[in-house]
N, C-alpha and C. Protein backbone atom coordinates (compact mmCIF):
# COMPACT_ATOMS: atom_id res chain seq x y z
N UNK A 1 -6.58 -13.66 22.67
CA UNK A 1 -6.96 -12.28 22.49
C UNK A 1 -5.75 -11.40 22.25
N UNK A 2 -4.66 -11.65 22.95
CA UNK A 2 -3.47 -10.81 22.78
C UNK A 2 -2.88 -11.00 21.38
N UNK A 3 -3.03 -12.19 20.80
CA UNK A 3 -2.54 -12.43 19.43
C UNK A 3 -3.32 -11.58 18.43
N UNK A 4 -4.60 -11.43 18.63
CA UNK A 4 -5.43 -10.58 17.75
C UNK A 4 -4.96 -9.14 17.83
N UNK A 5 -4.67 -8.68 19.04
CA UNK A 5 -4.18 -7.32 19.23
C UNK A 5 -2.84 -7.11 18.53
N UNK A 6 -1.96 -8.08 18.63
CA UNK A 6 -0.66 -7.99 17.95
C UNK A 6 -0.87 -7.90 16.44
N UNK A 7 -1.73 -8.75 15.89
CA UNK A 7 -2.00 -8.72 14.45
C UNK A 7 -2.68 -7.42 14.03
N UNK A 8 -3.53 -6.88 14.90
CA UNK A 8 -4.20 -5.63 14.58
C UNK A 8 -3.18 -4.49 14.46
N UNK A 9 -2.26 -4.40 15.41
CA UNK A 9 -1.24 -3.35 15.34
C UNK A 9 -0.28 -3.58 14.18
N UNK A 10 0.01 -4.82 13.89
CA UNK A 10 0.83 -5.13 12.71
C UNK A 10 0.09 -4.71 11.43
N UNK A 11 -1.21 -4.94 11.40
CA UNK A 11 -2.03 -4.53 10.26
C UNK A 11 -2.01 -3.01 10.08
N UNK A 12 -2.07 -2.28 11.18
CA UNK A 12 -2.00 -0.82 11.09
C UNK A 12 -0.64 -0.41 10.52
N UNK A 13 0.42 -1.02 10.99
CA UNK A 13 1.75 -0.71 10.47
C UNK A 13 1.87 -1.01 8.98
N UNK A 14 1.35 -2.16 8.57
CA UNK A 14 1.40 -2.53 7.15
C UNK A 14 0.54 -1.62 6.29
N UNK A 15 -0.49 -1.04 6.88
CA UNK A 15 -1.42 -0.20 6.13
C UNK A 15 -0.93 1.24 5.95
N UNK A 16 0.11 1.62 6.63
CA UNK A 16 0.56 3.01 6.54
C UNK A 16 1.11 3.35 5.15
N UNK A 17 1.75 2.41 4.48
CA UNK A 17 2.18 2.66 3.10
C UNK A 17 0.98 2.86 2.19
N UNK A 18 -0.03 2.02 2.37
CA UNK A 18 -1.25 2.16 1.57
C UNK A 18 -1.91 3.50 1.85
N UNK A 19 -1.96 3.90 3.11
CA UNK A 19 -2.56 5.18 3.48
C UNK A 19 -1.78 6.35 2.85
N UNK A 20 -0.46 6.31 2.98
CA UNK A 20 0.37 7.41 2.45
C UNK A 20 0.25 7.52 0.95
N UNK A 21 0.32 6.39 0.27
CA UNK A 21 0.20 6.41 -1.18
C UNK A 21 -1.21 6.83 -1.61
N UNK A 22 -2.21 6.35 -0.90
CA UNK A 22 -3.59 6.73 -1.20
C UNK A 22 -3.80 8.23 -0.97
N UNK A 23 -3.18 8.76 0.07
CA UNK A 23 -3.26 10.19 0.33
C UNK A 23 -2.67 10.97 -0.84
N UNK A 24 -1.54 10.50 -1.33
CA UNK A 24 -0.91 11.16 -2.48
C UNK A 24 -1.80 11.06 -3.72
N UNK A 25 -2.34 9.89 -3.99
CA UNK A 25 -3.20 9.71 -5.16
C UNK A 25 -4.53 10.44 -5.01
N UNK A 26 -5.01 10.56 -3.79
CA UNK A 26 -6.26 11.26 -3.55
C UNK A 26 -6.22 12.71 -3.97
N UNK A 27 -5.03 13.31 -3.99
CA UNK A 27 -4.91 14.71 -4.43
C UNK A 27 -5.22 14.86 -5.91
N UNK A 28 -5.36 13.75 -6.61
CA UNK A 28 -5.71 13.78 -8.04
C UNK A 28 -7.20 13.61 -8.27
N UNK A 29 -7.98 13.67 -7.20
CA UNK A 29 -9.44 13.68 -7.23
C UNK A 29 -10.08 12.49 -7.96
N UNK A 30 -9.73 11.26 -7.60
CA UNK A 30 -10.41 10.13 -8.24
C UNK A 30 -11.87 10.08 -7.80
N UNK A 31 -12.76 9.59 -8.67
CA UNK A 31 -14.17 9.47 -8.27
C UNK A 31 -14.32 8.46 -7.13
N UNK A 32 -15.37 8.63 -6.35
CA UNK A 32 -15.56 7.78 -5.17
C UNK A 32 -15.62 6.30 -5.54
N UNK A 33 -16.22 5.97 -6.67
CA UNK A 33 -16.30 4.57 -7.11
C UNK A 33 -14.90 3.97 -7.29
N UNK A 34 -13.98 4.74 -7.88
CA UNK A 34 -12.59 4.27 -8.04
C UNK A 34 -11.92 4.13 -6.68
N UNK A 35 -12.25 5.03 -5.76
CA UNK A 35 -11.69 4.93 -4.41
C UNK A 35 -12.13 3.63 -3.75
N UNK A 36 -13.41 3.30 -3.87
CA UNK A 36 -13.92 2.05 -3.29
C UNK A 36 -13.29 0.82 -3.93
N UNK A 37 -13.24 0.81 -5.25
CA UNK A 37 -12.67 -0.34 -5.96
C UNK A 37 -11.20 -0.52 -5.59
N UNK A 38 -10.47 0.58 -5.58
CA UNK A 38 -9.05 0.53 -5.23
C UNK A 38 -8.87 0.01 -3.80
N UNK A 39 -9.67 0.50 -2.88
CA UNK A 39 -9.59 0.06 -1.49
C UNK A 39 -9.88 -1.43 -1.36
N UNK A 40 -10.87 -1.91 -2.09
CA UNK A 40 -11.19 -3.34 -2.04
C UNK A 40 -10.05 -4.19 -2.58
N UNK A 41 -9.43 -3.73 -3.67
CA UNK A 41 -8.30 -4.48 -4.22
C UNK A 41 -7.09 -4.46 -3.29
N UNK A 42 -6.85 -3.33 -2.65
CA UNK A 42 -5.74 -3.28 -1.68
C UNK A 42 -6.04 -4.28 -0.56
N UNK A 43 -7.28 -4.31 -0.11
CA UNK A 43 -7.66 -5.29 0.91
C UNK A 43 -7.46 -6.72 0.45
N UNK A 44 -7.84 -7.01 -0.79
CA UNK A 44 -7.64 -8.37 -1.32
C UNK A 44 -6.16 -8.73 -1.39
N UNK A 45 -5.35 -7.80 -1.86
CA UNK A 45 -3.92 -8.06 -1.94
C UNK A 45 -3.32 -8.25 -0.54
N UNK A 46 -3.78 -7.46 0.43
CA UNK A 46 -3.28 -7.63 1.80
C UNK A 46 -3.81 -8.90 2.44
N UNK A 47 -4.81 -9.52 1.84
CA UNK A 47 -5.27 -10.82 2.31
C UNK A 47 -4.43 -11.94 1.69
N UNK A 48 -4.24 -11.88 0.36
CA UNK A 48 -3.57 -12.99 -0.32
C UNK A 48 -2.04 -12.96 -0.24
N UNK A 49 -1.44 -11.79 -0.17
CA UNK A 49 0.02 -11.73 -0.12
C UNK A 49 0.60 -12.41 1.12
N UNK A 50 0.04 -12.19 2.33
CA UNK A 50 0.58 -12.91 3.48
C UNK A 50 0.35 -14.42 3.38
N UNK A 51 -0.78 -14.82 2.79
CA UNK A 51 -1.03 -16.25 2.62
C UNK A 51 0.00 -16.87 1.69
N UNK A 52 0.28 -16.18 0.59
CA UNK A 52 1.30 -16.66 -0.34
C UNK A 52 2.67 -16.66 0.33
N UNK A 53 2.99 -15.58 1.03
CA UNK A 53 4.27 -15.51 1.74
C UNK A 53 4.42 -16.59 2.79
N UNK A 54 3.34 -16.87 3.52
CA UNK A 54 3.42 -17.89 4.57
C UNK A 54 3.60 -19.28 3.98
N UNK A 55 3.01 -19.51 2.82
CA UNK A 55 3.19 -20.80 2.15
C UNK A 55 4.65 -20.98 1.76
N UNK A 56 5.22 -19.95 1.19
CA UNK A 56 6.63 -20.01 0.82
C UNK A 56 7.50 -20.12 2.06
N UNK A 57 7.19 -19.33 3.10
CA UNK A 57 7.95 -19.39 4.35
C UNK A 57 7.89 -20.76 4.99
N UNK A 58 6.71 -21.35 4.94
CA UNK A 58 6.55 -22.69 5.52
C UNK A 58 7.31 -23.74 4.71
N UNK A 59 7.24 -23.65 3.38
CA UNK A 59 7.87 -24.66 2.53
C UNK A 59 9.40 -24.56 2.53
N UNK A 60 9.91 -23.35 2.52
CA UNK A 60 11.34 -23.18 2.37
C UNK A 60 12.05 -22.72 3.63
N UNK A 61 11.31 -22.50 4.67
CA UNK A 61 11.75 -22.03 5.97
C UNK A 61 12.90 -21.03 5.87
N UNK A 62 14.13 -21.46 5.87
CA UNK A 62 15.24 -20.50 5.88
C UNK A 62 16.06 -20.54 4.60
N UNK A 63 15.52 -21.15 3.56
CA UNK A 63 16.26 -21.26 2.31
C UNK A 63 16.10 -20.04 1.42
N UNK A 64 15.13 -19.17 1.71
CA UNK A 64 14.90 -18.00 0.88
C UNK A 64 15.13 -16.75 1.72
N UNK A 65 15.71 -15.78 1.12
CA UNK A 65 15.80 -14.45 1.73
C UNK A 65 15.29 -13.46 0.70
N UNK A 66 14.23 -12.75 1.04
CA UNK A 66 13.67 -11.76 0.14
C UNK A 66 13.97 -10.35 0.66
N UNK A 67 14.53 -9.55 -0.20
CA UNK A 67 14.72 -8.14 0.12
C UNK A 67 13.92 -7.34 -0.89
N UNK A 68 12.74 -6.94 -0.49
CA UNK A 68 11.84 -6.24 -1.40
C UNK A 68 11.99 -4.72 -1.32
N UNK A 69 12.84 -4.24 -0.44
CA UNK A 69 12.94 -2.79 -0.23
C UNK A 69 13.33 -2.03 -1.48
N UNK A 70 14.29 -2.52 -2.22
CA UNK A 70 14.72 -1.84 -3.43
C UNK A 70 13.59 -1.80 -4.46
N UNK A 71 12.88 -2.90 -4.59
CA UNK A 71 11.76 -2.99 -5.52
C UNK A 71 10.66 -1.98 -5.16
N UNK A 72 10.29 -1.92 -3.88
CA UNK A 72 9.24 -1.01 -3.43
C UNK A 72 9.70 0.44 -3.60
N UNK A 73 10.96 0.73 -3.27
CA UNK A 73 11.48 2.10 -3.45
C UNK A 73 11.40 2.52 -4.91
N UNK A 74 11.75 1.63 -5.82
CA UNK A 74 11.68 1.93 -7.25
C UNK A 74 10.25 2.23 -7.67
N UNK A 75 9.30 1.46 -7.19
CA UNK A 75 7.89 1.69 -7.51
C UNK A 75 7.46 3.08 -7.03
N UNK A 76 7.82 3.44 -5.79
CA UNK A 76 7.43 4.75 -5.27
C UNK A 76 8.10 5.89 -6.03
N UNK A 77 9.36 5.71 -6.42
CA UNK A 77 10.03 6.74 -7.23
C UNK A 77 9.32 6.91 -8.57
N UNK A 78 8.95 5.79 -9.20
CA UNK A 78 8.26 5.87 -10.49
C UNK A 78 6.88 6.53 -10.36
N UNK A 79 6.17 6.21 -9.28
CA UNK A 79 4.87 6.81 -9.06
C UNK A 79 5.00 8.32 -8.82
N UNK A 80 6.03 8.72 -8.06
CA UNK A 80 6.26 10.16 -7.83
C UNK A 80 6.60 10.86 -9.14
N UNK A 81 7.43 10.23 -9.96
CA UNK A 81 7.79 10.80 -11.25
C UNK A 81 6.55 10.95 -12.14
N UNK A 82 5.71 9.92 -12.15
CA UNK A 82 4.47 9.97 -12.93
C UNK A 82 3.58 11.13 -12.47
N UNK A 83 3.44 11.29 -11.16
CA UNK A 83 2.62 12.38 -10.64
C UNK A 83 3.22 13.73 -10.99
N UNK A 84 4.54 13.86 -10.89
CA UNK A 84 5.22 15.12 -11.19
C UNK A 84 5.04 15.50 -12.65
N UNK A 85 5.27 14.55 -13.54
CA UNK A 85 5.18 14.84 -14.97
C UNK A 85 3.76 15.11 -15.43
N UNK A 86 2.78 14.54 -14.74
CA UNK A 86 1.38 14.68 -15.16
C UNK A 86 0.62 15.73 -14.38
N UNK A 87 1.25 16.45 -13.48
CA UNK A 87 0.52 17.34 -12.59
C UNK A 87 -0.12 18.52 -13.28
N UNK A 88 0.31 18.87 -14.48
CA UNK A 88 -0.26 20.02 -15.18
C UNK A 88 -1.41 19.63 -16.12
N UNK A 89 -1.63 18.34 -16.29
CA UNK A 89 -2.71 17.90 -17.18
C UNK A 89 -4.06 18.25 -16.59
N UNK A 90 -5.02 18.48 -17.47
CA UNK A 90 -6.37 18.82 -17.02
C UNK A 90 -7.02 17.65 -16.28
N UNK A 91 -6.95 16.49 -16.86
CA UNK A 91 -7.57 15.31 -16.27
C UNK A 91 -6.51 14.57 -15.47
N UNK A 92 -6.43 14.82 -14.16
CA UNK A 92 -5.39 14.24 -13.34
C UNK A 92 -5.94 13.05 -12.55
N UNK A 93 -6.01 11.93 -13.18
CA UNK A 93 -6.48 10.75 -12.48
C UNK A 93 -5.51 9.62 -12.80
N UNK A 94 -4.91 9.04 -11.77
CA UNK A 94 -3.88 8.04 -12.00
C UNK A 94 -4.39 6.62 -11.88
N UNK A 95 -5.39 6.41 -11.07
CA UNK A 95 -5.94 5.07 -10.92
C UNK A 95 -7.08 4.97 -11.92
N UNK A 96 -6.72 4.78 -13.19
CA UNK A 96 -7.71 4.89 -14.26
C UNK A 96 -8.13 3.55 -14.83
N UNK A 97 -7.29 2.55 -14.72
CA UNK A 97 -7.59 1.27 -15.35
C UNK A 97 -7.46 0.14 -14.34
N UNK A 98 -7.93 -1.00 -14.74
CA UNK A 98 -7.80 -2.18 -13.90
C UNK A 98 -6.33 -2.48 -13.62
N UNK A 99 -5.50 -2.33 -14.63
CA UNK A 99 -4.07 -2.59 -14.47
C UNK A 99 -3.43 -1.62 -13.47
N UNK A 100 -3.82 -0.35 -13.50
CA UNK A 100 -3.24 0.60 -12.54
C UNK A 100 -3.72 0.31 -11.12
N UNK A 101 -4.94 -0.19 -10.97
CA UNK A 101 -5.43 -0.58 -9.64
C UNK A 101 -4.63 -1.77 -9.13
N UNK A 102 -4.36 -2.73 -10.00
CA UNK A 102 -3.56 -3.90 -9.62
C UNK A 102 -2.14 -3.46 -9.24
N UNK A 103 -1.54 -2.59 -10.02
CA UNK A 103 -0.19 -2.09 -9.76
C UNK A 103 -0.15 -1.36 -8.41
N UNK A 104 -1.11 -0.49 -8.19
CA UNK A 104 -1.22 0.24 -6.92
C UNK A 104 -1.35 -0.76 -5.76
N UNK A 105 -2.26 -1.70 -5.89
CA UNK A 105 -2.53 -2.68 -4.82
C UNK A 105 -1.30 -3.53 -4.54
N UNK A 106 -0.63 -3.97 -5.59
CA UNK A 106 0.57 -4.78 -5.42
C UNK A 106 1.67 -4.00 -4.72
N UNK A 107 1.86 -2.75 -5.15
CA UNK A 107 2.98 -1.97 -4.62
C UNK A 107 2.84 -1.71 -3.12
N UNK A 108 1.61 -1.59 -2.62
CA UNK A 108 1.44 -1.35 -1.19
C UNK A 108 1.28 -2.64 -0.39
N UNK A 109 1.30 -3.79 -1.06
CA UNK A 109 1.09 -5.07 -0.38
C UNK A 109 2.34 -5.93 -0.32
N UNK A 110 3.42 -5.48 -0.90
CA UNK A 110 4.65 -6.29 -0.94
C UNK A 110 5.15 -6.57 0.47
N UNK A 111 5.06 -5.59 1.36
CA UNK A 111 5.55 -5.80 2.72
C UNK A 111 4.73 -6.84 3.48
N UNK A 112 3.44 -6.98 3.15
CA UNK A 112 2.64 -8.02 3.82
C UNK A 112 3.03 -9.42 3.33
N UNK A 113 3.59 -9.49 2.12
CA UNK A 113 4.14 -10.76 1.63
C UNK A 113 5.31 -11.19 2.53
N UNK A 114 6.20 -10.24 2.82
CA UNK A 114 7.35 -10.53 3.67
C UNK A 114 6.91 -10.93 5.08
N UNK A 115 5.91 -10.23 5.61
CA UNK A 115 5.38 -10.58 6.92
C UNK A 115 4.78 -11.99 6.87
N UNK A 116 4.12 -12.31 5.76
CA UNK A 116 3.57 -13.66 5.59
C UNK A 116 4.64 -14.73 5.64
N UNK A 117 5.80 -14.45 5.07
CA UNK A 117 6.91 -15.41 5.15
C UNK A 117 7.27 -15.66 6.60
N UNK A 118 7.40 -14.59 7.38
CA UNK A 118 7.72 -14.73 8.80
C UNK A 118 6.64 -15.50 9.54
N UNK A 119 5.37 -15.23 9.22
CA UNK A 119 4.28 -15.96 9.86
C UNK A 119 4.31 -17.44 9.50
N UNK A 120 4.67 -17.73 8.25
CA UNK A 120 4.77 -19.13 7.83
C UNK A 120 5.90 -19.87 8.53
N UNK A 121 7.00 -19.18 8.72
CA UNK A 121 8.14 -19.79 9.41
C UNK A 121 7.81 -20.08 10.87
N UNK A 122 7.08 -19.18 11.50
CA UNK A 122 6.74 -19.36 12.92
C UNK A 122 5.45 -20.14 13.13
N UNK A 123 4.81 -20.57 12.03
CA UNK A 123 3.55 -21.32 12.11
C UNK A 123 2.49 -20.57 12.92
N UNK A 124 2.38 -19.28 12.70
CA UNK A 124 1.40 -18.45 13.40
C UNK A 124 0.03 -18.58 12.74
N UNK A 125 -0.93 -17.85 13.26
CA UNK A 125 -2.30 -17.87 12.75
C UNK A 125 -2.39 -16.97 11.52
N UNK A 126 -1.99 -17.50 10.39
CA UNK A 126 -1.86 -16.71 9.17
C UNK A 126 -3.21 -16.25 8.64
N UNK A 127 -4.21 -17.09 8.69
CA UNK A 127 -5.53 -16.72 8.16
C UNK A 127 -6.12 -15.55 8.96
N UNK A 128 -6.02 -15.63 10.26
CA UNK A 128 -6.51 -14.54 11.11
C UNK A 128 -5.75 -13.25 10.80
N UNK A 129 -4.45 -13.34 10.69
CA UNK A 129 -3.63 -12.16 10.38
C UNK A 129 -4.02 -11.59 9.02
N UNK A 130 -4.20 -12.45 8.03
CA UNK A 130 -4.55 -11.99 6.68
C UNK A 130 -5.89 -11.28 6.66
N UNK A 131 -6.85 -11.78 7.40
CA UNK A 131 -8.17 -11.13 7.46
C UNK A 131 -8.04 -9.73 8.07
N UNK A 132 -7.29 -9.63 9.16
CA UNK A 132 -7.10 -8.32 9.78
C UNK A 132 -6.32 -7.38 8.86
N UNK A 133 -5.27 -7.87 8.21
CA UNK A 133 -4.49 -7.05 7.28
C UNK A 133 -5.40 -6.51 6.18
N UNK A 134 -6.27 -7.37 5.68
CA UNK A 134 -7.18 -7.01 4.59
C UNK A 134 -8.14 -5.90 4.99
N UNK A 135 -8.81 -6.07 6.10
CA UNK A 135 -9.81 -5.10 6.55
C UNK A 135 -9.16 -3.75 6.86
N UNK A 136 -8.08 -3.78 7.62
CA UNK A 136 -7.44 -2.54 8.04
C UNK A 136 -6.84 -1.80 6.85
N UNK A 137 -6.19 -2.52 5.94
CA UNK A 137 -5.57 -1.84 4.79
C UNK A 137 -6.62 -1.26 3.85
N UNK A 138 -7.74 -1.96 3.65
CA UNK A 138 -8.81 -1.41 2.81
C UNK A 138 -9.36 -0.12 3.43
N UNK A 139 -9.55 -0.13 4.74
CA UNK A 139 -10.05 1.05 5.43
C UNK A 139 -9.07 2.23 5.30
N UNK A 140 -7.80 1.99 5.57
CA UNK A 140 -6.82 3.07 5.51
C UNK A 140 -6.61 3.58 4.08
N UNK A 141 -6.75 2.71 3.10
CA UNK A 141 -6.64 3.15 1.70
C UNK A 141 -7.79 4.08 1.36
N UNK A 142 -9.00 3.69 1.70
CA UNK A 142 -10.16 4.54 1.44
C UNK A 142 -10.03 5.87 2.18
N UNK A 143 -9.62 5.82 3.43
CA UNK A 143 -9.43 7.04 4.21
C UNK A 143 -8.38 7.94 3.56
N UNK A 144 -7.27 7.38 3.11
CA UNK A 144 -6.23 8.17 2.45
C UNK A 144 -6.72 8.81 1.17
N UNK A 145 -7.45 8.06 0.36
CA UNK A 145 -7.97 8.62 -0.90
C UNK A 145 -8.95 9.77 -0.63
N UNK A 146 -9.82 9.59 0.34
CA UNK A 146 -10.80 10.64 0.67
C UNK A 146 -10.10 11.87 1.24
N UNK A 147 -9.16 11.66 2.16
CA UNK A 147 -8.45 12.81 2.74
C UNK A 147 -7.61 13.52 1.69
N UNK A 148 -7.02 12.76 0.77
CA UNK A 148 -6.25 13.38 -0.32
C UNK A 148 -7.12 14.28 -1.18
N UNK A 149 -8.35 13.83 -1.47
CA UNK A 149 -9.28 14.66 -2.24
C UNK A 149 -9.63 15.93 -1.48
N UNK A 150 -9.84 15.81 -0.18
CA UNK A 150 -10.16 16.98 0.65
C UNK A 150 -8.98 17.96 0.68
N UNK A 151 -7.78 17.42 0.78
CA UNK A 151 -6.59 18.28 0.75
C UNK A 151 -6.51 19.05 -0.56
N UNK A 152 -6.80 18.37 -1.67
CA UNK A 152 -6.74 19.05 -2.96
C UNK A 152 -7.79 20.15 -3.05
N UNK A 153 -8.99 19.85 -2.54
CA UNK A 153 -10.06 20.85 -2.57
C UNK A 153 -9.66 22.09 -1.77
N UNK A 154 -8.93 21.88 -0.68
CA UNK A 154 -8.57 23.01 0.18
C UNK A 154 -7.29 23.72 -0.28
N UNK A 155 -6.30 22.95 -0.75
CA UNK A 155 -4.99 23.53 -1.04
C UNK A 155 -4.59 23.48 -2.51
N UNK A 156 -5.38 22.84 -3.35
CA UNK A 156 -5.11 22.81 -4.79
C UNK A 156 -3.79 22.14 -5.14
N UNK A 157 -3.02 22.79 -6.00
CA UNK A 157 -1.77 22.23 -6.53
C UNK A 157 -0.76 21.93 -5.42
N UNK A 158 -0.80 22.67 -4.33
CA UNK A 158 0.11 22.42 -3.20
C UNK A 158 -0.10 21.02 -2.64
N UNK A 159 -1.34 20.55 -2.64
CA UNK A 159 -1.62 19.20 -2.14
C UNK A 159 -1.01 18.14 -3.05
N UNK A 160 -1.00 18.38 -4.36
CA UNK A 160 -0.38 17.44 -5.28
C UNK A 160 1.13 17.39 -5.05
N UNK A 161 1.74 18.56 -4.84
CA UNK A 161 3.17 18.60 -4.54
C UNK A 161 3.45 17.84 -3.24
N UNK A 162 2.58 18.00 -2.25
CA UNK A 162 2.73 17.25 -1.00
C UNK A 162 2.64 15.75 -1.27
N UNK A 163 1.72 15.33 -2.14
CA UNK A 163 1.60 13.92 -2.50
C UNK A 163 2.88 13.39 -3.13
N UNK A 164 3.48 14.19 -4.01
CA UNK A 164 4.74 13.79 -4.66
C UNK A 164 5.84 13.66 -3.60
N UNK A 165 5.90 14.60 -2.68
CA UNK A 165 6.91 14.54 -1.61
C UNK A 165 6.72 13.31 -0.73
N UNK A 166 5.47 12.97 -0.44
CA UNK A 166 5.20 11.77 0.36
C UNK A 166 5.73 10.54 -0.36
N UNK A 167 5.48 10.44 -1.66
CA UNK A 167 5.98 9.29 -2.43
C UNK A 167 7.50 9.24 -2.40
N UNK A 168 8.14 10.38 -2.57
CA UNK A 168 9.61 10.42 -2.55
C UNK A 168 10.15 10.03 -1.17
N UNK A 169 9.50 10.50 -0.12
CA UNK A 169 9.94 10.12 1.23
C UNK A 169 9.76 8.63 1.48
N UNK A 170 8.65 8.07 1.00
CA UNK A 170 8.46 6.62 1.13
C UNK A 170 9.53 5.85 0.37
N UNK A 171 9.85 6.33 -0.83
CA UNK A 171 10.90 5.67 -1.61
C UNK A 171 12.23 5.71 -0.88
N UNK A 172 12.58 6.87 -0.33
CA UNK A 172 13.84 7.00 0.41
C UNK A 172 13.83 6.13 1.67
N UNK A 173 12.69 6.05 2.33
CA UNK A 173 12.56 5.19 3.50
C UNK A 173 12.89 3.74 3.15
N UNK A 174 12.29 3.26 2.08
CA UNK A 174 12.54 1.87 1.69
C UNK A 174 13.96 1.66 1.18
N UNK A 175 14.52 2.66 0.57
CA UNK A 175 15.85 2.52 0.01
C UNK A 175 16.92 2.54 1.09
N UNK A 176 16.76 3.41 2.09
CA UNK A 176 17.85 3.61 3.05
C UNK A 176 17.55 3.22 4.49
N UNK A 177 16.28 3.12 4.88
CA UNK A 177 15.97 2.95 6.30
C UNK A 177 15.24 1.66 6.63
N UNK A 178 15.19 0.70 5.75
CA UNK A 178 14.54 -0.59 6.07
C UNK A 178 15.56 -1.67 6.15
């Protein structure tokens, strides 16, 4: 039981990037159907990335060192730049295609890949962890998208600027504080 609790809190921690990014994207008022689809894909990525990471961690144990922080920071900087440059357009929807949903889902799931490597090295209960990561991240993504839409309805353009700032802060976090 205590292992489930540990994985649950780890899942919450891993889901905070998805929540923050979803909050930022939610200020662009995506339709609810896109919010659901995006949340499901984030959940799927948070399920498969730790499994893939654990397989690599198990196979190569200490032969690989992955530093994904620079990669994730670059993604967040690019997403913030995209939001900034497109904020004046009439149709402000960023999660518009299947490819953008995949890109979004991948960018918030990279850290669960790294956690999967650690789980594979320690021979932990990876399947259980992956299921919890999946459910919690899908929930927090949907919550972030919905709250972002509500923020935009209440604060308008200021909410979009807040979304851009959140992305920039996440990028700086990954670049300098991980």
